[in-house]
Protein backbone atom coordinates (compact mmCIF):
# COMPACT_ATOMS: atom_id res chain seq x y z
CA MET A 1 0.00 0.00 0.00
CA ILE A 2 1.11 3.56 -0.71
CA LYS A 3 0.03 6.36 1.63
CA VAL A 4 0.36 9.96 0.43
CA THR A 5 0.26 12.83 2.89
CA PRO A 6 -1.89 15.87 2.05
CA GLU A 7 1.27 17.99 1.64
CA ALA A 8 2.80 15.55 -0.86
CA GLU A 9 -0.48 15.18 -2.73
CA GLN A 10 -0.77 18.97 -3.12
CA LYS A 11 2.83 19.39 -4.37
CA ILE A 12 2.54 16.48 -6.83
CA LYS A 13 -0.77 17.76 -8.21
CA GLU A 14 0.66 21.29 -8.58
CA PHE A 15 3.68 19.95 -10.47
CA LEU A 16 1.67 17.67 -12.77
CA GLU A 17 -0.88 20.38 -13.60
CA LYS A 18 1.70 23.15 -14.07
CA ASN A 19 3.71 20.99 -16.48
CA ASN A 20 0.71 19.31 -18.17
CA ILE A 21 1.95 15.83 -17.25
CA ASP A 22 -0.32 12.80 -17.15
CA SER A 23 2.19 10.01 -16.51
CA GLY A 24 2.34 8.03 -13.28
CA ILE A 25 4.58 8.59 -10.29
CA ARG A 26 6.92 5.64 -9.74
CA VAL A 27 8.31 4.73 -6.34
CA THR A 28 11.77 3.33 -7.00
CA VAL A 29 15.17 2.73 -5.40
CA MET A 30 17.53 5.65 -5.95
CA GLU A 31 21.09 6.39 -4.93
CA ALA A 32 20.79 8.63 -1.87
CA GLY A 33 24.39 9.85 -1.62
CA CYS A 34 24.91 9.98 2.13
CA SER A 35 23.26 6.70 3.03
CA GLY A 36 23.36 4.52 -0.04
CA ALA A 37 20.11 3.38 -1.61
CA ALA A 38 16.80 4.95 -0.61
CA LEU A 39 13.28 5.18 -1.98
CA GLY A 40 12.42 8.08 -4.25
CA ILE A 41 9.84 9.08 -6.86
CA ILE A 42 10.13 9.69 -10.59
CA LEU A 43 7.76 10.15 -13.52
CA ASP A 44 7.20 6.91 -15.42
CA GLU A 45 4.75 4.71 -17.31
CA ALA A 46 3.33 1.48 -15.91
CA THR A 47 4.63 -1.95 -16.89
CA GLU A 48 3.00 -5.33 -16.40
CA GLU A 49 5.36 -5.96 -13.43
CA ASP A 50 3.93 -2.99 -11.51
CA ARG A 51 1.31 -2.59 -8.84
CA LEU A 52 -0.84 0.49 -9.41
CA PHE A 53 -2.28 2.62 -6.60
CA SER A 54 -4.55 5.55 -7.43
CA HIS A 55 -4.83 8.37 -4.93
CA GLN A 56 -6.97 11.45 -5.56
CA GLY A 57 -6.49 11.18 -9.33
CA ILE A 58 -2.75 10.47 -9.18
CA ASP A 59 -1.44 7.07 -10.30
CA PHE A 60 1.42 5.69 -8.21
CA LEU A 61 3.45 2.78 -9.59
CA ILE A 62 5.79 0.37 -7.87
CA HIS A 63 7.40 -2.84 -9.09
CA LYS A 64 5.67 -5.72 -7.32
CA ASP A 65 8.98 -7.15 -6.03
CA LEU A 66 9.98 -3.81 -4.51
CA LEU A 67 6.60 -3.52 -2.80
CA GLU A 68 7.06 -6.98 -1.28
CA GLU A 69 10.56 -5.99 -0.09
CA THR A 70 9.57 -2.67 1.47
CA GLY A 71 6.04 -3.19 2.76
CA ASN A 72 3.82 -0.14 3.19
CA ILE A 73 5.19 3.10 1.75
CA THR A 74 4.53 6.70 2.79
CA ILE A 75 5.21 9.69 0.53
CA ASP A 76 5.50 13.03 2.32
CA PHE A 77 6.64 16.54 1.43
CA VAL A 78 8.66 18.43 4.02
CA GLU A 79 9.83 22.02 4.18
CA PRO A 80 12.66 23.14 6.45
CA ASP A 81 11.53 24.80 9.67
CA GLY A 82 14.94 26.22 10.59
CA SER A 83 15.57 23.68 13.34
CA GLU A 84 17.89 21.44 11.30
CA GLU A 85 21.30 22.23 12.75
CA GLY A 86 24.36 20.20 11.95
CA GLY A 87 23.92 16.82 10.34
CA CYS A 88 23.84 16.24 6.64
CA ALA A 89 23.27 19.19 4.33
CA CYS A 90 22.18 16.82 1.54
CA ASN A 91 18.69 16.71 3.04
CA SER A 92 18.19 20.42 3.61
CA GLY A 93 15.49 22.31 1.75
CA ALA A 94 11.99 21.38 0.65
CA ARG A 95 11.77 17.81 -0.62
CA PHE A 96 9.75 14.64 -0.97
CA VAL A 97 10.49 12.00 1.64
CA VAL A 98 9.61 8.38 0.84
CA THR A 99 9.68 5.92 3.73
CA SER A 100 8.66 2.30 4.12
CA ASP A 101 8.01 -0.35 6.74
CA ARG A 102 11.30 -2.01 5.82
CA PRO A 103 13.97 0.46 4.57
CA VAL A 104 16.00 -0.58 1.53
CA SER A 105 19.34 0.14 3.24
CA PRO A 106 20.58 1.30 6.64
CA ALA A 107 22.06 4.77 7.03
CA SER A 108 25.85 4.80 6.94
CA GLY A 109 26.64 8.42 7.75
CA CYS A 110 27.17 11.52 5.66
CA SER A 111 29.70 11.63 2.84
CA CYS A 112 28.42 14.64 0.90
CA GLY A 113 30.94 17.11 2.27
CA ALA A 114 28.69 18.76 4.84
């Protein structure tokens, strides 16, 4: 299952409408820099290996094997509130955050030069 927070839903809808895009949003494994592999989202078309979840008119895609590996997934959109001191600068700024019941890789510290 894919859960989308109201903040993420709003930002995705704004982006798709502004850019006149009607493709799906794929949850996939991406290189995360500081901590190795992590879940992220990209624009993509469905394949027969995908599970499709529709949420408020937005189609979310995920390969069925990845869904089995990760379990439930949550897509959120976060904006900095000024309280992020120290730590990794790679994750500063407004961004989508994709989490799951079972993360794809453990954090291994920051290597982005922060």
